[in-house]
PDB file of all heavy atoms in Angstrom:
ATOM      1  N   ALA A   1       0.854  -1.215  -0.012  1.00  0.00           N
ATOM      2  CA  ALA A   1      -0.002  -0.009  -0.002  1.00  0.00           C
ATOM      3  C   ALA A   1       0.866   1.260  -0.008  1.00  0.00           C
ATOM      4  O   ALA A   1       1.874   1.300   0.698  1.00  0.00           O
ATOM      5  CB  ALA A   1      -0.937   0.005   1.222  1.00  0.00           C
ATOM      6  N   GLY A   2       0.476   2.223  -0.814  1.00  0.00           N
ATOM      7  CA  GLY A   2       1.237   3.469  -0.892  1.00  0.00           C
ATOM      8  C   GLY A   2       2.302   3.449  -1.982  1.00  0.00           C
ATOM      9  O   GLY A   2       2.971   4.480  -2.200  1.00  0.00           O
ATOM     10  N   GLN A   3       2.472   2.295  -2.630  1.00  0.00           N
ATOM     11  CA  GLN A   3       3.454   2.236  -3.723  1.00  0.00           C
ATOM     12  C   GLN A   3       2.732   1.896  -5.024  1.00  0.00           C
ATOM     13  O   GLN A   3       1.588   1.452  -5.017  1.00  0.00           O
ATOM     14  CB  GLN A   3       4.501   1.156  -3.428  1.00  0.00           C
ATOM     15  CG  GLN A   3       5.354   1.392  -2.194  1.00  0.00           C
ATOM     16  CD  GLN A   3       6.432   0.359  -2.022  1.00  0.00           C
ATOM     17  OE1 GLN A   3       6.888  -0.281  -2.969  1.00  0.00           O
ATOM     18  NE2 GLN A   3       6.863   0.197  -0.787  1.00  0.00           N
ATOM     19  N   THR A   4       3.415   2.130  -6.126  1.00  0.00           N
ATOM     20  CA  THR A   4       2.862   1.805  -7.476  1.00  0.00           C
ATOM     21  C   THR A   4       3.883   1.011  -8.264  1.00  0.00           C
ATOM     22  O   THR A   4       5.049   1.005  -7.957  1.00  0.00           O
ATOM     23  CB  THR A   4       2.466   3.062  -8.234  1.00  0.00           C
ATOM     24  OG1 THR A   4       3.625   3.894  -8.414  1.00  0.00           O
ATOM     25  CG2 THR A   4       1.396   3.849  -7.512  1.00  0.00           C
ATOM     26  N   ARG A   5       3.385   0.345  -9.318  1.00  0.00           N
ATOM     27  CA  ARG A   5       4.232  -0.337 -10.267  1.00  0.00           C
ATOM     28  C   ARG A   5       3.707  -0.003 -11.668  1.00  0.00           C
ATOM     29  O   ARG A   5       2.530   0.231 -11.858  1.00  0.00           O
ATOM     30  CB  ARG A   5       4.192  -1.857 -10.066  1.00  0.00           C
ATOM     31  CG  ARG A   5       4.685  -2.339  -8.702  1.00  0.00           C
ATOM     32  CD  ARG A   5       6.142  -2.159  -8.525  1.00  0.00           C
ATOM     33  NE  ARG A   5       6.589  -2.782  -7.258  1.00  0.00           N
ATOM     34  CZ  ARG A   5       6.647  -2.135  -6.093  1.00  0.00           C
ATOM     35  NH1 ARG A   5       6.245  -0.865  -6.019  1.00  0.00           N
ATOM     36  NH2 ARG A   5       7.045  -2.767  -5.003  1.00  0.00           N
ATOM     37  N   SER A   6       4.594  -0.028 -12.634  1.00  0.00           N
ATOM     38  CA  SER A   6       4.162   0.147 -14.017  1.00  0.00           C
ATOM     39  C   SER A   6       3.662  -1.171 -14.579  1.00  0.00           C
ATOM     40  O   SER A   6       3.921  -2.262 -14.027  1.00  0.00           O
ATOM     41  CB  SER A   6       5.305   0.680 -14.848  1.00  0.00           C
ATOM     42  OG  SER A   6       6.289  -0.323 -15.024  1.00  0.00           O
ATOM     43  N   TYR A   7       2.942  -1.117 -15.682  1.00  0.00           N
ATOM     44  CA  TYR A   7       2.490  -2.344 -16.325  1.00  0.00           C
ATOM     45  C   TYR A   7       3.711  -3.209 -16.722  1.00  0.00           C
ATOM     46  O   TYR A   7       3.663  -4.432 -16.617  1.00  0.00           O
ATOM     47  CB  TYR A   7       1.670  -2.013 -17.579  1.00  0.00           C
ATOM     48  CG  TYR A   7       0.362  -1.327 -17.283  1.00  0.00           C
ATOM     49  CD1 TYR A   7       0.221   0.043 -17.485  1.00  0.00           C
ATOM     50  CD2 TYR A   7      -0.711  -2.025 -16.768  1.00  0.00           C
ATOM     51  CE1 TYR A   7      -0.975   0.678 -17.192  1.00  0.00           C
ATOM     52  CE2 TYR A   7      -1.910  -1.380 -16.463  1.00  0.00           C
ATOM     53  CZ  TYR A   7      -2.023  -0.020 -16.689  1.00  0.00           C
ATOM     54  OH  TYR A   7      -3.219   0.604 -16.378  1.00  0.00           O
ATOM     55  N   SER A   8       4.775  -2.550 -17.124  1.00  0.00           N
ATOM     56  CA  SER A   8       5.992  -3.296 -17.485  1.00  0.00           C
ATOM     57  C   SER A   8       6.572  -4.029 -16.280  1.00  0.00           C
ATOM     58  O   SER A   8       7.022  -5.185 -16.384  1.00  0.00           O
ATOM     59  CB  SER A   8       7.049  -2.329 -18.039  1.00  0.00           C
ATOM     60  OG  SER A   8       6.616  -1.727 -19.246  1.00  0.00           O
ATOM     61  N   GLU A   9       6.560  -3.376 -15.126  1.00  0.00           N
ATOM     62  CA  GLU A   9       7.127  -3.988 -13.936  1.00  0.00           C
ATOM     63  C   GLU A   9       6.266  -5.181 -13.494  1.00  0.00           C
ATOM     64  O   GLU A   9       6.800  -6.195 -12.988  1.00  0.00           O
ATOM     65  CB  GLU A   9       7.249  -2.948 -12.812  1.00  0.00           C
ATOM     66  CG  GLU A   9       8.370  -1.971 -13.032  1.00  0.00           C
ATOM     67  CD  GLU A   9       8.425  -0.877 -11.987  1.00  0.00           C
ATOM     68  OE1 GLU A   9       7.380  -0.315 -11.659  1.00  0.00           O
ATOM     69  OE2 GLU A   9       9.538  -0.598 -11.500  1.00  0.00           O
ATOM     70  N   VAL A  10       4.954  -5.078 -13.635  1.00  0.00           N
ATOM     71  CA  VAL A  10       4.086  -6.199 -13.301  1.00  0.00           C
ATOM     72  C   VAL A  10       4.364  -7.358 -14.254  1.00  0.00           C
ATOM     73  O   VAL A  10       4.447  -8.524 -13.802  1.00  0.00           O
ATOM     74  CB  VAL A  10       2.605  -5.796 -13.334  1.00  0.00           C
ATOM     75  CG1 VAL A  10       1.706  -7.008 -13.093  1.00  0.00           C
ATOM     76  CG2 VAL A  10       2.297  -4.732 -12.280  1.00  0.00           C
ATOM     77  N   ALA A  11       4.515  -7.052 -15.521  1.00  0.00           N
ATOM     78  CA  ALA A  11       4.840  -8.111 -16.499  1.00  0.00           C
ATOM     79  C   ALA A  11       6.158  -8.796 -16.130  1.00  0.00           C
ATOM     80  O   ALA A  11       6.274 -10.020 -16.221  1.00  0.00           O
ATOM     81  CB  ALA A  11       4.922  -7.525 -17.898  1.00  0.00           C
ATOM     82  N   GLN A  12       7.136  -8.029 -15.692  1.00  0.00           N
ATOM     83  CA  GLN A  12       8.414  -8.601 -15.301  1.00  0.00           C
ATOM     84  C   GLN A  12       8.238  -9.458 -14.035  1.00  0.00           C
ATOM     85  O   GLN A  12       8.850 -10.500 -13.888  1.00  0.00           O
ATOM     86  CB  GLN A  12       9.400  -7.478 -15.046  1.00  0.00           C
ATOM     87  CG  GLN A  12       9.874  -6.771 -16.326  1.00  0.00           C
ATOM     88  CD  GLN A  12      10.718  -5.540 -16.057  1.00  0.00           C
ATOM     89  OE1 GLN A  12      10.986  -5.216 -14.905  1.00  0.00           O
ATOM     90  NE2 GLN A  12      11.125  -4.859 -17.094  1.00  0.00           N
ATOM     91  N   ALA A  13       7.375  -8.999 -13.128  1.00  0.00           N
ATOM     92  CA  ALA A  13       7.175  -9.695 -11.849  1.00  0.00           C
ATOM     93  C   ALA A  13       6.582 -11.084 -12.052  1.00  0.00           C
ATOM     94  O   ALA A  13       6.852 -12.012 -11.274  1.00  0.00           O
ATOM     95  CB  ALA A  13       6.285  -8.879 -10.940  1.00  0.00           C
ATOM     96  N   ILE A  14       5.783 -11.263 -13.102  1.00  0.00           N
ATOM     97  CA  ILE A  14       5.195 -12.575 -13.365  1.00  0.00           C
ATOM     98  C   ILE A  14       6.023 -13.379 -14.341  1.00  0.00           C
ATOM     99  O   ILE A  14       5.608 -14.452 -14.801  1.00  0.00           O
ATOM    100  CB  ILE A  14       3.724 -12.444 -13.880  1.00  0.00           C
ATOM    101  CG1 ILE A  14       3.687 -11.733 -15.226  1.00  0.00           C
ATOM    102  CG2 ILE A  14       2.841 -11.755 -12.860  1.00  0.00           C
ATOM    103  CD1 ILE A  14       2.323 -11.766 -15.853  1.00  0.00           C
ATOM    104  N   GLY A  15       7.188 -12.857 -14.674  1.00  0.00           N
ATOM    105  CA  GLY A  15       8.127 -13.567 -15.521  1.00  0.00           C
ATOM    106  C   GLY A  15       7.833 -13.504 -16.984  1.00  0.00           C
ATOM    107  O   GLY A  15       8.355 -14.317 -17.763  1.00  0.00           O
ATOM    108  N   GLN A  16       6.991 -12.515 -17.441  1.00  0.00           N
ATOM    109  CA  GLN A  16       6.700 -12.396 -18.857  1.00  0.00           C
ATOM    110  C   GLN A  16       6.801 -10.908 -19.243  1.00  0.00           C
ATOM    111  O   GLN A  16       5.808 -10.233 -19.424  1.00  0.00           O
ATOM    112  CB  GLN A  16       5.295 -12.927 -19.145  1.00  0.00           C
ATOM    113  CG  GLN A  16       5.187 -14.415 -18.896  1.00  0.00           C
ATOM    114  CD  GLN A  16       3.808 -14.983 -19.187  1.00  0.00           C
ATOM    115  OE1 GLN A  16       3.406 -15.970 -18.609  1.00  0.00           O
ATOM    116  NE2 GLN A  16       3.069 -14.341 -20.069  1.00  0.00           N
ATOM    117  N   PRO A  17       8.045 -10.412 -19.375  1.00  0.00           N
ATOM    118  CA  PRO A  17       8.248  -8.996 -19.562  1.00  0.00           C
ATOM    119  C   PRO A  17       7.669  -8.416 -20.855  1.00  0.00           C
ATOM    120  O   PRO A  17       7.450  -7.223 -20.967  1.00  0.00           O
ATOM    121  CB  PRO A  17       9.781  -8.851 -19.575  1.00  0.00           C
ATOM    122  CG  PRO A  17      10.305 -10.234 -19.913  1.00  0.00           C
ATOM    123  CD  PRO A  17       9.306 -11.169 -19.276  1.00  0.00           C
ATOM    124  N   SER A  18       7.345  -9.287 -21.829  1.00  0.00           N
ATOM    125  CA  SER A  18       6.790  -8.802 -23.093  1.00  0.00           C
ATOM    126  C   SER A  18       5.259  -8.712 -23.060  1.00  0.00           C
ATOM    127  O   SER A  18       4.660  -8.221 -24.016  1.00  0.00           O
ATOM    128  CB  SER A  18       7.220  -9.692 -24.244  1.00  0.00           C
ATOM    129  OG  SER A  18       8.623  -9.660 -24.410  1.00  0.00           O
ATOM    130  N   ALA A  19       4.658  -9.189 -21.996  1.00  0.00           N
ATOM    131  CA  ALA A  19       3.191  -9.287 -21.930  1.00  0.00           C
ATOM    132  C   ALA A  19       2.562  -8.041 -21.331  1.00  0.00           C
ATOM    133  O   ALA A  19       1.564  -8.131 -20.561  1.00  0.00           O
ATOM    134  CB  ALA A  19       2.779 -10.547 -21.156  1.00  0.00           C
ATOM    135  N   VAL A  20       3.057  -6.881 -21.672  1.00  0.00           N
ATOM    136  CA  VAL A  20       2.574  -5.656 -21.073  1.00  0.00           C
ATOM    137  C   VAL A  20       1.096  -5.398 -21.430  1.00  0.00           C
ATOM    138  O   VAL A  20       0.280  -5.066 -20.581  1.00  0.00           O
ATOM    139  CB  VAL A  20       3.413  -4.433 -21.534  1.00  0.00           C
ATOM    140  CG1 VAL A  20       2.864  -3.140 -20.948  1.00  0.00           C
ATOM    141  CG2 VAL A  20       4.848  -4.622 -21.089  1.00  0.00           C
ATOM    142  N   ARG A  21       0.733  -5.599 -22.690  1.00  0.00           N
ATOM    143  CA  ARG A  21      -0.660  -5.396 -23.087  1.00  0.00           C
ATOM    144  C   ARG A  21      -1.587  -6.359 -22.389  1.00  0.00           C
ATOM    145  O   ARG A  21      -2.680  -6.000 -21.925  1.00  0.00           O
ATOM    146  CB  ARG A  21      -0.790  -5.557 -24.608  1.00  0.00           C
ATOM    147  CG  ARG A  21      -2.218  -5.367 -25.108  1.00  0.00           C
ATOM    148  CD  ARG A  21      -2.329  -5.566 -26.599  1.00  0.00           C
ATOM    149  NE  ARG A  21      -1.585  -4.574 -27.334  1.00  0.00           N
ATOM    150  CZ  ARG A  21      -1.544  -4.511 -28.662  1.00  0.00           C
ATOM    151  NH1 ARG A  21      -2.200  -5.417 -29.382  1.00  0.00           N
ATOM    152  NH2 ARG A  21      -0.887  -3.575 -29.263  1.00  0.00           N
ATOM    153  N   ALA A  22      -1.185  -7.619 -22.256  1.00  0.00           N
ATOM    154  CA  ALA A  22      -2.026  -8.630 -21.578  1.00  0.00           C
ATOM    155  C   ALA A  22      -2.187  -8.272 -20.099  1.00  0.00           C
ATOM    156  O   ALA A  22      -3.223  -8.505 -19.514  1.00  0.00           O
ATOM    157  CB  ALA A  22      -1.402 -10.023 -21.739  1.00  0.00           C
ATOM    158  N   VAL A  23      -1.138  -7.725 -19.480  1.00  0.00           N
ATOM    159  CA  VAL A  23      -1.220  -7.269 -18.084  1.00  0.00           C
ATOM    160  C   VAL A  23      -2.258  -6.158 -17.965  1.00  0.00           C
ATOM    161  O   VAL A  23      -3.119  -6.175 -17.057  1.00  0.00           O
ATOM    162  CB  VAL A  23       0.148  -6.820 -17.538  1.00  0.00           C
ATOM    163  CG1 VAL A  23       0.000  -6.057 -16.230  1.00  0.00           C
ATOM    164  CG2 VAL A  23       1.071  -8.018 -17.350  1.00  0.00           C
ATOM    165  N   ALA A  24      -2.229  -5.209 -18.866  1.00  0.00           N
ATOM    166  CA  ALA A  24      -3.198  -4.097 -18.855  1.00  0.00           C
ATOM    167  C   ALA A  24      -4.606  -4.608 -19.024  1.00  0.00           C
ATOM    168  O   ALA A  24      -5.555  -4.180 -18.334  1.00  0.00           O
ATOM    169  CB  ALA A  24      -2.853  -3.080 -19.953  1.00  0.00           C
ATOM    170  N   GLN A  25      -4.799  -5.626 -19.870  1.00  0.00           N
ATOM    171  CA  GLN A  25      -6.115  -6.193 -20.087  1.00  0.00           C
ATOM    172  C   GLN A  25      -6.597  -6.931 -18.817  1.00  0.00           C
ATOM    173  O   GLN A  25      -7.786  -6.867 -18.478  1.00  0.00           O
ATOM    174  CB  GLN A  25      -6.113  -7.153 -21.270  1.00  0.00           C
ATOM    175  CG  GLN A  25      -5.911  -6.404 -22.621  1.00  0.00           C
ATOM    176  CD  GLN A  25      -5.702  -7.375 -23.768  1.00  0.00           C
ATOM    177  OE1 GLN A  25      -5.347  -8.551 -23.587  1.00  0.00           O
ATOM    178  NE2 GLN A  25      -5.871  -6.848 -24.984  1.00  0.00           N
ATOM    179  N   ALA A  26      -5.669  -7.620 -18.141  1.00  0.00           N
ATOM    180  CA  ALA A  26      -6.038  -8.294 -16.885  1.00  0.00           C
ATOM    181  C   ALA A  26      -6.447  -7.296 -15.803  1.00  0.00           C
ATOM    182  O   ALA A  26      -7.389  -7.538 -15.057  1.00  0.00           O
ATOM    183  CB  ALA A  26      -4.851  -9.148 -16.407  1.00  0.00           C
ATOM    184  N   CYS A  27      -5.774  -6.156 -15.757  1.00  0.00           N
ATOM    185  CA  CYS A  27      -6.149  -5.111 -14.802  1.00  0.00           C
ATOM    186  C   CYS A  27      -7.549  -4.604 -15.116  1.00  0.00           C
ATOM    187  O   CYS A  27      -8.382  -4.365 -14.230  1.00  0.00           O
ATOM    188  CB  CYS A  27      -5.151  -3.981 -14.841  1.00  0.00           C
ATOM    189  SG  CYS A  27      -3.517  -4.408 -14.165  1.00  0.00           S
ATOM    190  N   ALA A  28      -7.832  -4.386 -16.425  1.00  0.00           N
ATOM    191  CA  ALA A  28      -9.118  -3.843 -16.830  1.00  0.00           C
ATOM    192  C   ALA A  28     -10.263  -4.841 -16.543  1.00  0.00           C
ATOM    193  O   ALA A  28     -11.408  -4.443 -16.371  1.00  0.00           O
ATOM    194  CB  ALA A  28      -9.093  -3.498 -18.327  1.00  0.00           C
ATOM    195  N   ALA A  29      -9.929  -6.123 -16.510  1.00  0.00           N
ATOM    196  CA  ALA A  29     -10.965  -7.168 -16.257  1.00  0.00           C
ATOM    197  C   ALA A  29     -11.291  -7.362 -14.808  1.00  0.00           C
ATOM    198  O   ALA A  29     -12.224  -8.095 -14.468  1.00  0.00           O
ATOM    199  CB  ALA A  29     -10.483  -8.506 -16.863  1.00  0.00           C
ATOM    200  N   ASN A  30     -10.579  -6.704 -13.906  1.00  0.00           N
ATOM    201  CA  ASN A  30     -10.761  -6.833 -12.470  1.00  0.00           C
ATOM    202  C   ASN A  30     -12.086  -6.247 -12.018  1.00  0.00           C
ATOM    203  O   ASN A  30     -12.364  -5.084 -12.301  1.00  0.00           O
ATOM    204  CB  ASN A  30      -9.591  -6.168 -11.752  1.00  0.00           C
ATOM    205  CG  ASN A  30      -9.809  -6.178 -10.245  1.00  0.00           C
ATOM    206  OD1 ASN A  30     -10.408  -7.086  -9.664  1.00  0.00           O
ATOM    207  ND2 ASN A  30      -9.276  -5.152  -9.602  1.00  0.00           N
TER     208      ASN A  30
END
């Protein structure tokens, strides 16, 4: 809480650094 991450950093965190668009779509589906 109180921190942020970029879509790129989230993609890197799940081990798929090229999946930035898919990460954004997953966020939008929440």
